[in-house]
Amino acid sequence: MPDTITVTGLVATTPRHLVTSDGLPITSFRLCSTLRRYDRAENKWVDADTNWYTVTTFRQLATNVVGSVAKGQRVVVTGRLRVREWATEDKHGTNVEIDADALGHDLSWGTAVFSRTVAASAAAEATQSGETAGHADAGDASEAVGDGDAEPGDELAAARAQRATEAALPF
């Protein structure tokens, strides 16, 4: 059974994104996490040791991470922990890796704006049924409802457009 871990920390390297020959998107970066505690004797905050992790994301999460996360930002990562020993002729060590299931900005340190992505299959289905990928319909719906001089039937059309937009989204 894999160990699940949640870590808060600082993105220490620029996220590296690649797509395998099979079309699998992968994004990885190094994450540092330092425990801070208040030392009452010295009347100040002190840092403990820093833990280093390699965070790896796959599929849609990898695509979203490369477009959302940058070096120096504080994040929260949840995923499967893997600890691996390694050795070469003259060195040896331990790699601590997290295969991320979820990742987001740590809102204890700032604010973020969320933009929902539309899966490629849902966008293709919406296009085939004569709709757009969802963003234009949502905008049209809000404009129709927001107009003071809208026709009585526009509200019904706006509600239908909103439902079609939500149906095209992956979850």
N, C-alpha and C. Protein backbone atom coordinates (compact mmCIF):
# COMPACT_ATOMS: atom_id res chain seq x y z
N MET A 1 0.85 -1.18 0.00
CA MET A 1 0.00 0.00 0.00
C MET A 1 0.89 1.24 0.00
N PRO A 2 0.67 2.17 -0.93
CA PRO A 2 1.52 3.36 -1.00
C PRO A 2 1.23 4.33 0.15
N ASP A 3 2.26 5.02 0.59
CA ASP A 3 2.11 6.03 1.62
C ASP A 3 1.64 7.33 0.98
N THR A 4 0.63 7.94 1.57
CA THR A 4 0.13 9.23 1.08
C THR A 4 0.65 10.31 2.01
N ILE A 5 1.11 11.41 1.41
CA ILE A 5 1.71 12.49 2.18
C ILE A 5 1.18 13.83 1.67
N THR A 6 1.06 14.79 2.57
CA THR A 6 0.74 16.16 2.19
C THR A 6 1.85 17.05 2.72
N VAL A 7 2.43 17.85 1.83
CA VAL A 7 3.56 18.70 2.17
C VAL A 7 3.28 20.12 1.71
N THR A 8 3.60 21.08 2.57
CA THR A 8 3.59 22.48 2.15
C THR A 8 5.04 22.92 2.01
N GLY A 9 5.30 23.73 1.02
CA GLY A 9 6.67 24.17 0.84
C GLY A 9 6.82 25.18 -0.28
N LEU A 10 8.05 25.42 -0.63
CA LEU A 10 8.42 26.42 -1.62
C LEU A 10 8.91 25.72 -2.89
N VAL A 11 8.40 26.14 -4.04
CA VAL A 11 8.87 25.59 -5.31
C VAL A 11 10.29 26.10 -5.52
N ALA A 12 11.26 25.18 -5.51
CA ALA A 12 12.66 25.56 -5.51
C ALA A 12 13.29 25.61 -6.89
N THR A 13 12.67 24.96 -7.87
CA THR A 13 13.20 24.99 -9.24
C THR A 13 12.07 25.32 -10.20
N THR A 14 12.41 25.81 -11.35
CA THR A 14 11.41 26.07 -12.38
C THR A 14 10.82 24.73 -12.82
N PRO A 15 9.48 24.60 -12.83
CA PRO A 15 8.88 23.33 -13.26
C PRO A 15 9.33 22.95 -14.67
N ARG A 16 9.72 21.68 -14.82
CA ARG A 16 10.20 21.16 -16.10
C ARG A 16 9.09 20.30 -16.70
N HIS A 17 8.66 20.64 -17.90
CA HIS A 17 7.53 19.97 -18.55
C HIS A 17 8.03 19.21 -19.78
N LEU A 18 7.54 17.99 -19.95
CA LEU A 18 7.83 17.23 -21.16
C LEU A 18 6.64 16.36 -21.49
N VAL A 19 6.58 15.94 -22.74
CA VAL A 19 5.54 15.03 -23.20
C VAL A 19 6.26 13.82 -23.77
N THR A 20 5.90 12.62 -23.27
CA THR A 20 6.57 11.41 -23.72
C THR A 20 6.15 11.08 -25.15
N SER A 21 6.84 10.12 -25.76
CA SER A 21 6.50 9.71 -27.12
C SER A 21 5.11 9.12 -27.21
N ASP A 22 4.58 8.64 -26.07
CA ASP A 22 3.21 8.12 -26.02
C ASP A 22 2.18 9.21 -25.78
N GLY A 23 2.62 10.45 -25.63
CA GLY A 23 1.70 11.57 -25.44
C GLY A 23 1.36 11.86 -23.99
N LEU A 24 2.11 11.30 -23.04
CA LEU A 24 1.85 11.52 -21.61
C LEU A 24 2.56 12.79 -21.13
N PRO A 25 1.80 13.81 -20.70
CA PRO A 25 2.44 15.02 -20.16
C PRO A 25 2.97 14.75 -18.74
N ILE A 26 4.20 15.21 -18.48
CA ILE A 26 4.83 15.08 -17.17
C ILE A 26 5.47 16.41 -16.82
N THR A 27 5.23 16.88 -15.60
CA THR A 27 5.87 18.08 -15.09
C THR A 27 6.47 17.75 -13.73
N SER A 28 7.72 18.18 -13.51
CA SER A 28 8.35 17.92 -12.22
C SER A 28 9.12 19.16 -11.76
N PHE A 29 9.32 19.23 -10.45
CA PHE A 29 10.10 20.31 -9.85
C PHE A 29 10.56 19.87 -8.48
N ARG A 30 11.51 20.61 -7.92
CA ARG A 30 11.99 20.35 -6.57
C ARG A 30 11.22 21.25 -5.60
N LEU A 31 10.89 20.67 -4.46
CA LEU A 31 10.13 21.37 -3.42
C LEU A 31 10.93 21.32 -2.13
N CYS A 32 11.09 22.46 -1.47
CA CYS A 32 11.76 22.46 -0.16
C CYS A 32 10.74 22.82 0.91
N SER A 33 10.85 22.16 2.03
CA SER A 33 9.93 22.37 3.13
C SER A 33 10.74 22.50 4.41
N THR A 34 10.62 23.65 5.06
CA THR A 34 11.38 23.91 6.28
C THR A 34 10.42 24.15 7.42
N LEU A 35 10.61 23.40 8.49
CA LEU A 35 9.80 23.59 9.69
C LEU A 35 10.29 24.81 10.43
N ARG A 36 9.38 25.70 10.78
CA ARG A 36 9.73 26.88 11.58
C ARG A 36 9.04 26.74 12.93
N ARG A 37 9.73 27.18 13.94
CA ARG A 37 9.14 27.15 15.27
C ARG A 37 9.56 28.42 16.02
N TYR A 38 8.76 28.76 17.00
CA TYR A 38 9.06 29.96 17.79
C TYR A 38 9.89 29.55 19.00
N ASP A 39 11.07 30.11 19.12
CA ASP A 39 11.95 29.83 20.24
C ASP A 39 11.70 30.89 21.31
N ARG A 40 11.04 30.48 22.40
CA ARG A 40 10.69 31.44 23.46
C ARG A 40 11.93 31.96 24.19
N ALA A 41 12.95 31.13 24.27
CA ALA A 41 14.16 31.56 24.97
C ALA A 41 14.84 32.72 24.23
N GLU A 42 14.86 32.64 22.90
CA GLU A 42 15.48 33.70 22.10
C GLU A 42 14.47 34.74 21.63
N ASN A 43 13.18 34.45 21.85
CA ASN A 43 12.10 35.36 21.48
C ASN A 43 12.09 35.67 19.98
N LYS A 44 12.28 34.59 19.16
CA LYS A 44 12.25 34.77 17.70
C LYS A 44 11.93 33.44 17.02
N TRP A 45 11.57 33.52 15.75
CA TRP A 45 11.33 32.34 14.94
C TRP A 45 12.65 31.76 14.48
N VAL A 46 12.78 30.44 14.52
CA VAL A 46 13.99 29.77 14.05
C VAL A 46 13.61 28.67 13.08
N ASP A 47 14.48 28.41 12.11
CA ASP A 47 14.27 27.36 11.12
C ASP A 47 14.91 26.07 11.58
N ALA A 48 14.20 24.98 11.35
CA ALA A 48 14.76 23.65 11.58
C ALA A 48 15.39 23.19 10.27
N ASP A 49 15.65 21.90 10.13
CA ASP A 49 16.22 21.37 8.90
C ASP A 49 15.24 21.49 7.74
N THR A 50 15.79 21.55 6.53
CA THR A 50 14.98 21.62 5.33
C THR A 50 14.88 20.24 4.70
N ASN A 51 13.67 19.82 4.36
CA ASN A 51 13.46 18.57 3.63
C ASN A 51 13.27 18.91 2.16
N TRP A 52 13.86 18.09 1.29
CA TRP A 52 13.79 18.29 -0.16
C TRP A 52 13.04 17.14 -0.80
N TYR A 53 12.14 17.47 -1.72
CA TYR A 53 11.33 16.48 -2.43
C TYR A 53 11.39 16.77 -3.92
N THR A 54 11.31 15.72 -4.71
CA THR A 54 11.08 15.87 -6.14
C THR A 54 9.60 15.57 -6.36
N VAL A 55 8.86 16.56 -6.86
CA VAL A 55 7.43 16.41 -7.10
C VAL A 55 7.23 16.15 -8.58
N THR A 56 6.48 15.09 -8.90
CA THR A 56 6.19 14.74 -10.28
C THR A 56 4.69 14.68 -10.47
N THR A 57 4.23 15.32 -11.55
CA THR A 57 2.80 15.32 -11.88
C THR A 57 2.61 14.74 -13.27
N PHE A 58 1.44 14.16 -13.51
CA PHE A 58 1.14 13.50 -14.77
C PHE A 58 -0.19 13.99 -15.33
N ARG A 59 -0.38 13.78 -16.63
CA ARG A 59 -1.62 14.04 -17.36
C ARG A 59 -2.10 15.49 -17.20
N GLN A 60 -3.39 15.69 -16.94
CA GLN A 60 -3.96 17.04 -16.88
C GLN A 60 -3.34 17.85 -15.75
N LEU A 61 -3.04 17.20 -14.63
CA LEU A 61 -2.39 17.91 -13.53
C LEU A 61 -1.05 18.48 -13.98
N ALA A 62 -0.28 17.73 -14.76
CA ALA A 62 1.01 18.21 -15.26
C ALA A 62 0.84 19.43 -16.15
N THR A 63 -0.15 19.40 -17.00
CA THR A 63 -0.42 20.53 -17.90
C THR A 63 -0.83 21.76 -17.09
N ASN A 64 -1.67 21.56 -16.08
CA ASN A 64 -2.12 22.68 -15.26
C ASN A 64 -0.98 23.24 -14.41
N VAL A 65 -0.12 22.38 -13.90
CA VAL A 65 0.99 22.84 -13.07
C VAL A 65 1.94 23.71 -13.87
N VAL A 66 2.30 23.30 -15.08
CA VAL A 66 3.26 24.08 -15.86
C VAL A 66 2.69 25.46 -16.21
N GLY A 67 1.37 25.59 -16.29
CA GLY A 67 0.75 26.88 -16.59
C GLY A 67 0.43 27.70 -15.36
N SER A 68 0.58 27.13 -14.15
CA SER A 68 0.13 27.80 -12.94
C SER A 68 1.19 28.02 -11.88
N VAL A 69 2.21 27.18 -11.85
CA VAL A 69 3.17 27.20 -10.75
C VAL A 69 4.53 27.68 -11.25
N ALA A 70 5.16 28.52 -10.45
CA ALA A 70 6.48 29.06 -10.80
C ALA A 70 7.43 28.95 -9.62
N LYS A 71 8.70 29.00 -9.92
CA LYS A 71 9.74 28.97 -8.89
C LYS A 71 9.51 30.09 -7.89
N GLY A 72 9.64 29.76 -6.60
CA GLY A 72 9.48 30.75 -5.54
C GLY A 72 8.09 30.80 -4.94
N GLN A 73 7.12 30.13 -5.53
CA GLN A 73 5.76 30.15 -5.00
C GLN A 73 5.59 29.08 -3.93
N ARG A 74 4.69 29.35 -3.00
CA ARG A 74 4.38 28.39 -1.93
C ARG A 74 3.19 27.55 -2.37
N VAL A 75 3.34 26.22 -2.22
CA VAL A 75 2.31 25.29 -2.67
C VAL A 75 2.02 24.23 -1.61
N VAL A 76 0.90 23.54 -1.80
CA VAL A 76 0.52 22.39 -1.01
C VAL A 76 0.43 21.22 -1.98
N VAL A 77 1.10 20.11 -1.66
CA VAL A 77 1.15 18.94 -2.53
C VAL A 77 0.67 17.72 -1.76
N THR A 78 -0.23 16.95 -2.37
CA THR A 78 -0.67 15.68 -1.81
C THR A 78 -0.38 14.60 -2.84
N GLY A 79 0.19 13.48 -2.39
CA GLY A 79 0.49 12.41 -3.32
C GLY A 79 1.11 11.20 -2.65
N ARG A 80 1.63 10.31 -3.48
CA ARG A 80 2.25 9.07 -3.01
C ARG A 80 3.73 9.29 -2.78
N LEU A 81 4.20 8.91 -1.61
CA LEU A 81 5.59 9.07 -1.23
C LEU A 81 6.41 7.88 -1.71
N ARG A 82 7.56 8.17 -2.30
CA ARG A 82 8.51 7.13 -2.71
C ARG A 82 9.90 7.54 -2.22
N VAL A 83 10.53 6.64 -1.49
CA VAL A 83 11.89 6.88 -1.00
C VAL A 83 12.79 5.86 -1.70
N ARG A 84 13.82 6.36 -2.39
CA ARG A 84 14.69 5.48 -3.18
C ARG A 84 16.15 5.73 -2.81
N GLU A 85 16.85 4.65 -2.55
CA GLU A 85 18.29 4.71 -2.32
C GLU A 85 18.99 4.67 -3.68
N TRP A 86 20.11 5.36 -3.81
CA TRP A 86 20.89 5.32 -5.04
C TRP A 86 22.38 5.31 -4.68
N ALA A 87 23.15 4.80 -5.60
CA ALA A 87 24.59 4.75 -5.38
C ALA A 87 25.32 4.75 -6.72
N THR A 88 26.44 5.44 -6.76
CA THR A 88 27.37 5.39 -7.89
C THR A 88 28.69 4.86 -7.32
N GLU A 89 29.72 4.88 -8.12
CA GLU A 89 31.01 4.37 -7.65
C GLU A 89 31.55 5.13 -6.44
N ASP A 90 31.33 6.45 -6.42
CA ASP A 90 31.91 7.25 -5.34
C ASP A 90 30.89 7.96 -4.45
N LYS A 91 29.62 7.90 -4.77
CA LYS A 91 28.59 8.59 -3.98
C LYS A 91 27.40 7.67 -3.74
N HIS A 92 26.63 8.00 -2.72
CA HIS A 92 25.36 7.32 -2.48
C HIS A 92 24.43 8.31 -1.78
N GLY A 93 23.15 8.05 -1.86
CA GLY A 93 22.20 8.96 -1.25
C GLY A 93 20.79 8.41 -1.30
N THR A 94 19.84 9.28 -0.96
CA THR A 94 18.44 8.92 -0.92
C THR A 94 17.63 9.99 -1.65
N ASN A 95 16.77 9.59 -2.55
CA ASN A 95 15.83 10.49 -3.20
C ASN A 95 14.47 10.32 -2.56
N VAL A 96 13.83 11.43 -2.23
CA VAL A 96 12.48 11.40 -1.70
C VAL A 96 11.60 12.05 -2.75
N GLU A 97 10.65 11.28 -3.29
CA GLU A 97 9.81 11.73 -4.39
C GLU A 97 8.35 11.69 -3.99
N ILE A 98 7.58 12.59 -4.58
CA ILE A 98 6.13 12.61 -4.40
C ILE A 98 5.50 12.55 -5.78
N ASP A 99 4.71 11.51 -6.05
CA ASP A 99 3.89 11.45 -7.26
C ASP A 99 2.58 12.13 -6.90
N ALA A 100 2.42 13.36 -7.36
CA ALA A 100 1.32 14.21 -6.90
C ALA A 100 -0.03 13.76 -7.44
N ASP A 101 -1.02 13.74 -6.56
CA ASP A 101 -2.42 13.54 -6.92
C ASP A 101 -3.15 14.89 -6.98
N ALA A 102 -2.70 15.83 -6.15
CA ALA A 102 -3.31 17.16 -6.09
C ALA A 102 -2.23 18.17 -5.73
N LEU A 103 -2.37 19.38 -6.25
CA LEU A 103 -1.37 20.41 -6.01
C LEU A 103 -2.04 21.77 -6.17
N GLY A 104 -1.74 22.68 -5.29
CA GLY A 104 -2.30 24.03 -5.40
C GLY A 104 -1.47 25.02 -4.61
N HIS A 105 -1.77 26.29 -4.79
CA HIS A 105 -1.07 27.34 -4.06
C HIS A 105 -1.48 27.32 -2.60
N ASP A 106 -0.53 27.64 -1.72
CA ASP A 106 -0.78 27.73 -0.29
C ASP A 106 -1.36 29.11 0.00
N LEU A 107 -2.65 29.17 0.27
CA LEU A 107 -3.34 30.44 0.43
C LEU A 107 -3.07 31.10 1.78
N SER A 108 -2.25 30.47 2.63
CA SER A 108 -1.81 31.11 3.86
C SER A 108 -0.85 32.25 3.54
N TRP A 109 -0.25 32.22 2.35
CA TRP A 109 0.77 33.18 1.97
C TRP A 109 0.31 34.18 0.92
N GLY A 110 -0.86 34.00 0.34
CA GLY A 110 -1.32 34.92 -0.71
C GLY A 110 -2.64 34.47 -1.28
N THR A 111 -3.04 35.11 -2.37
CA THR A 111 -4.30 34.79 -3.02
C THR A 111 -4.03 34.16 -4.38
N ALA A 112 -5.05 33.51 -4.91
CA ALA A 112 -4.93 32.88 -6.22
C ALA A 112 -6.25 33.04 -6.96
N VAL A 113 -6.20 32.93 -8.27
CA VAL A 113 -7.39 32.97 -9.11
C VAL A 113 -7.49 31.63 -9.81
N PHE A 114 -8.65 31.00 -9.76
CA PHE A 114 -8.84 29.67 -10.32
C PHE A 114 -9.52 29.79 -11.67
N SER A 115 -9.01 29.06 -12.66
CA SER A 115 -9.63 28.98 -13.97
C SER A 115 -9.81 27.50 -14.29
N ARG A 116 -11.02 27.08 -14.49
CA ARG A 116 -11.30 25.68 -14.77
C ARG A 116 -10.91 25.34 -16.21
N THR A 117 -10.26 24.19 -16.39
CA THR A 117 -9.88 23.76 -17.72
C THR A 117 -10.92 22.79 -18.25
N VAL A 118 -11.06 22.77 -19.55
CA VAL A 118 -12.00 21.86 -20.20
C VAL A 118 -11.17 20.74 -20.81
N ALA A 119 -11.54 19.50 -20.51
CA ALA A 119 -10.83 18.35 -21.06
C ALA A 119 -10.99 18.33 -22.57
N ALA A 120 -10.00 17.83 -23.27
CA ALA A 120 -10.01 17.81 -24.73
C ALA A 120 -11.20 17.01 -25.27
N SER A 121 -11.54 15.90 -24.65
CA SER A 121 -12.66 15.08 -25.13
C SER A 121 -13.98 15.81 -24.96
N ALA A 122 -14.15 16.54 -23.85
CA ALA A 122 -15.39 17.29 -23.64
C ALA A 122 -15.49 18.44 -24.64
N ALA A 123 -14.38 19.08 -24.94
CA ALA A 123 -14.37 20.17 -25.91
C ALA A 123 -14.70 19.65 -27.30
N ALA A 124 -14.17 18.47 -27.65
CA ALA A 124 -14.45 17.89 -28.97
C ALA A 124 -15.92 17.52 -29.09
N GLU A 125 -16.51 16.97 -28.04
CA GLU A 125 -17.93 16.63 -28.06
C GLU A 125 -18.79 17.88 -28.20
N ALA A 126 -18.42 18.93 -27.48
CA ALA A 126 -19.19 20.17 -27.55
C ALA A 126 -19.10 20.78 -28.94
N THR A 127 -17.92 20.72 -29.56
CA THR A 127 -17.74 21.25 -30.91
C THR A 127 -18.57 20.47 -31.91
N GLN A 128 -18.60 19.15 -31.77
CA GLN A 128 -19.38 18.32 -32.69
C GLN A 128 -20.87 18.57 -32.55
N SER A 129 -21.34 18.92 -31.35
CA SER A 129 -22.76 19.16 -31.16
C SER A 129 -23.15 20.60 -31.50
N GLY A 130 -22.19 21.37 -32.04
CA GLY A 130 -22.50 22.73 -32.49
C GLY A 130 -22.24 23.78 -31.44
N GLU A 131 -21.72 23.40 -30.28
CA GLU A 131 -21.42 24.36 -29.24
C GLU A 131 -19.94 24.67 -29.28
N THR A 132 -19.53 25.71 -28.55
CA THR A 132 -18.12 25.99 -28.41
C THR A 132 -17.62 25.27 -27.18
N ALA A 133 -16.33 25.43 -26.88
CA ALA A 133 -15.72 24.70 -25.77
C ALA A 133 -16.26 25.10 -24.41
N GLY A 134 -17.16 26.05 -24.33
CA GLY A 134 -17.78 26.35 -23.05
C GLY A 134 -17.56 27.78 -22.60
N HIS A 135 -16.42 28.35 -22.88
CA HIS A 135 -16.14 29.68 -22.37
C HIS A 135 -17.00 30.73 -23.06
N ALA A 136 -17.19 30.64 -24.36
CA ALA A 136 -18.01 31.64 -25.06
C ALA A 136 -19.46 31.51 -24.65
N ASP A 137 -19.96 30.27 -24.51
CA ASP A 137 -21.35 30.09 -24.09
C ASP A 137 -21.59 30.69 -22.72
N ALA A 138 -20.65 30.50 -21.79
CA ALA A 138 -20.81 31.04 -20.46
C ALA A 138 -20.84 32.56 -20.52
N GLY A 139 -19.98 33.16 -21.35
CA GLY A 139 -19.97 34.62 -21.49
C GLY A 139 -21.26 35.12 -22.12
N ASP A 140 -21.74 34.41 -23.17
CA ASP A 140 -23.00 34.80 -23.80
C ASP A 140 -24.13 34.71 -22.81
N ALA A 141 -24.13 33.67 -21.98
CA ALA A 141 -25.20 33.48 -21.01
C ALA A 141 -25.21 34.62 -20.00
N SER A 142 -24.04 35.01 -19.51
CA SER A 142 -24.00 36.07 -18.51
C SER A 142 -24.39 37.40 -19.14
N GLU A 143 -24.05 37.62 -20.41
CA GLU A 143 -24.44 38.86 -21.05
C GLU A 143 -25.95 38.92 -21.23
N ALA A 144 -26.56 37.79 -21.61
CA ALA A 144 -28.00 37.79 -21.83
C ALA A 144 -28.75 38.03 -20.53
N VAL A 145 -28.29 37.45 -19.44
CA VAL A 145 -28.96 37.62 -18.16
C VAL A 145 -28.67 39.01 -17.61
N GLY A 146 -27.47 39.55 -17.87
CA GLY A 146 -27.07 40.82 -17.29
C GLY A 146 -27.66 42.03 -17.99
N ASP A 147 -28.13 41.91 -19.23
CA ASP A 147 -28.70 43.05 -19.95
C ASP A 147 -30.02 43.48 -19.34
N GLY A 148 -30.19 44.78 -19.17
CA GLY A 148 -31.46 45.29 -18.68
C GLY A 148 -32.54 45.24 -19.75
N ASP A 149 -32.17 45.24 -21.04
CA ASP A 149 -33.15 45.27 -22.11
C ASP A 149 -33.27 43.91 -22.80
N ALA A 150 -33.03 42.82 -22.07
CA ALA A 150 -33.08 41.48 -22.66
C ALA A 150 -34.52 41.08 -22.95
N GLU A 151 -34.68 40.30 -24.00
CA GLU A 151 -35.98 39.75 -24.35
C GLU A 151 -36.38 38.71 -23.31
N PRO A 152 -37.69 38.47 -23.10
CA PRO A 152 -38.11 37.48 -22.12
C PRO A 152 -37.55 36.08 -22.41
N GLY A 153 -37.39 35.68 -23.65
CA GLY A 153 -36.88 34.35 -23.99
C GLY A 153 -35.38 34.21 -23.80
N ASP A 154 -34.67 35.37 -23.68
CA ASP A 154 -33.22 35.33 -23.51
C ASP A 154 -32.81 34.65 -22.21
N GLU A 155 -33.58 34.82 -21.16
CA GLU A 155 -33.23 34.19 -19.89
C GLU A 155 -33.25 32.67 -20.01
N LEU A 156 -34.25 32.15 -20.74
CA LEU A 156 -34.32 30.71 -20.95
C LEU A 156 -33.14 30.24 -21.80
N ALA A 157 -32.81 30.99 -22.84
CA ALA A 157 -31.66 30.65 -23.68
C ALA A 157 -30.37 30.70 -22.88
N ALA A 158 -30.25 31.69 -22.00
CA ALA A 158 -29.05 31.81 -21.17
C ALA A 158 -28.95 30.62 -20.22
N ALA A 159 -30.04 30.21 -19.63
CA ALA A 159 -30.03 29.05 -18.72
C ALA A 159 -29.64 27.78 -19.48
N ARG A 160 -30.16 27.62 -20.70
CA ARG A 160 -29.80 26.45 -21.51
C ARG A 160 -28.31 26.48 -21.86
N ALA A 161 -27.79 27.64 -22.20
CA ALA A 161 -26.37 27.77 -22.53
C ALA A 161 -25.51 27.44 -21.32
N GLN A 162 -25.93 27.89 -20.14
CA GLN A 162 -25.18 27.60 -18.92
C GLN A 162 -25.17 26.10 -18.64
N ARG A 163 -26.31 25.41 -18.80
CA ARG A 163 -26.37 23.96 -18.58
C ARG A 163 -25.50 23.23 -19.59
N ALA A 164 -25.50 23.69 -20.85
CA ALA A 164 -24.66 23.05 -21.87
C ALA A 164 -23.18 23.23 -21.54
N THR A 165 -22.82 24.40 -21.03
CA THR A 165 -21.45 24.66 -20.63
C THR A 165 -21.04 23.72 -19.51
N GLU A 166 -21.88 23.61 -18.49
CA GLU A 166 -21.56 22.73 -17.34
C GLU A 166 -21.50 21.28 -17.75
N ALA A 167 -22.35 20.86 -18.71
CA ALA A 167 -22.35 19.46 -19.16
C ALA A 167 -21.06 19.14 -19.93
N ALA A 168 -20.46 20.13 -20.56
CA ALA A 168 -19.24 19.90 -21.34
C ALA A 168 -18.00 19.78 -20.44
N LEU A 169 -18.11 20.23 -19.18
CA LEU A 169 -16.96 20.18 -18.29
C LEU A 169 -16.76 18.76 -17.76
N PRO A 170 -15.52 18.37 -17.49
CA PRO A 170 -15.21 16.99 -17.14
C PRO A 170 -15.73 16.53 -15.79
N PHE A 171 -16.06 17.42 -14.87
CA PHE A 171 -16.55 17.00 -13.55
C PHE A 171 -17.52 17.97 -12.99
